[in-house]
Amino acid sequence: MKALAALIATLAPATAFAASTLHEDNSGIFVWVFLGFCALIVVVQVMPAVILMLGFAKGLSAKMSKAGVAVNK
């Protein structure tokens, strides 16, 4: 029990040295426009990939049902 009390007494003052203000990044409008543009590029690149994967799944399921493979429902 004394070890636990000593540990708490040692760690408790460490919170006194924590930062008292919020971190300001000073990002201007151009930084946010650039990040938005990067996000737009990522979304535009992901959309065709998702459509392609859905097409593969649709074609595979149609091929399996046409071949007479039983599908669990």
Protein backbone atom coordinates (compact mmCIF):
# COMPACT_ATOMS: atom_id res chain seq x y z
CA MET A 1 0.00 0.00 0.00
CA LYS A 2 2.90 2.33 0.77
CA ALA A 3 4.35 1.63 -2.68
CA LEU A 4 1.08 2.66 -4.31
CA ALA A 5 0.94 5.84 -2.26
CA ALA A 6 4.54 6.63 -3.16
CA LEU A 7 3.79 6.07 -6.85
CA ILE A 8 0.76 8.35 -6.75
CA ALA A 9 2.71 10.98 -4.83
CA THR A 10 5.45 10.84 -7.46
CA LEU A 11 3.14 11.08 -10.47
CA ALA A 12 0.69 13.65 -9.13
CA PRO A 13 3.01 16.69 -9.45
CA ALA A 14 3.71 15.78 -13.10
CA THR A 15 0.32 17.13 -14.06
CA ALA A 16 1.34 20.55 -12.81
CA PHE A 17 3.76 20.88 -15.72
CA ALA A 18 1.11 20.20 -18.37
CA ALA A 19 0.41 22.90 -20.94
CA SER A 20 -2.28 25.28 -19.84
CA THR A 21 -3.24 26.57 -23.32
CA LEU A 22 -4.57 24.88 -26.40
CA HIS A 23 -2.20 24.19 -29.28
CA GLU A 24 -2.58 26.73 -32.05
CA ASP A 25 -1.51 25.57 -35.47
CA ASN A 26 -1.80 28.96 -37.21
CA SER A 27 -3.02 27.30 -40.39
CA GLY A 28 -4.27 29.78 -42.91
CA ILE A 29 -6.98 29.36 -45.49
CA PHE A 30 -4.48 28.14 -48.09
CA VAL A 31 -3.48 25.19 -45.92
CA TRP A 32 -7.10 24.13 -45.53
CA VAL A 33 -7.77 24.57 -49.25
CA PHE A 34 -4.73 22.41 -50.03
CA LEU A 35 -5.86 19.70 -47.60
CA GLY A 36 -9.36 19.80 -49.06
CA PHE A 37 -7.93 19.44 -52.56
CA CYS A 38 -5.88 16.42 -51.42
CA ALA A 39 -8.99 14.86 -49.89
CA LEU A 40 -10.88 15.48 -53.13
CA ILE A 41 -8.17 13.67 -55.10
CA VAL A 42 -8.34 10.69 -52.74
CA VAL A 43 -12.15 10.48 -52.99
CA VAL A 44 -12.07 10.74 -56.79
CA GLN A 45 -9.49 7.93 -56.96
CA VAL A 46 -11.41 5.66 -54.58
CA MET A 47 -14.80 5.96 -56.32
CA PRO A 48 -13.84 4.04 -59.52
CA ALA A 49 -12.12 1.37 -57.43
CA VAL A 50 -15.28 0.81 -55.40
CA ILE A 51 -17.40 0.68 -58.56
CA LEU A 52 -14.98 -1.84 -60.09
CA MET A 53 -15.09 -4.06 -56.99
CA LEU A 54 -18.90 -3.97 -56.98
CA GLY A 55 -18.87 -4.95 -60.65
CA PHE A 56 -16.57 -7.88 -59.89
CA ALA A 57 -18.86 -9.04 -57.09
CA LYS A 58 -21.94 -8.68 -59.28
CA GLY A 59 -20.35 -10.62 -62.14
CA LEU A 60 -19.10 -13.34 -59.83
CA SER A 61 -22.49 -13.78 -58.19
CA ALA A 62 -24.21 -13.89 -61.61
CA LYS A 63 -21.71 -16.49 -62.83
CA MET A 64 -22.21 -18.61 -59.73
CA SER A 65 -26.00 -18.53 -59.97
CA LYS A 66 -25.85 -19.31 -63.70
CA ALA A 67 -23.62 -22.35 -63.06
CA GLY A 68 -26.17 -23.73 -60.60
CA VAL A 69 -24.12 -23.33 -57.46
CA ALA A 70 -26.35 -23.25 -54.40
CA VAL A 71 -26.09 -19.97 -52.53
CA ASN A 72 -26.91 -19.92 -48.82
CA LYS A 73 -29.65 -17.43 -48.02
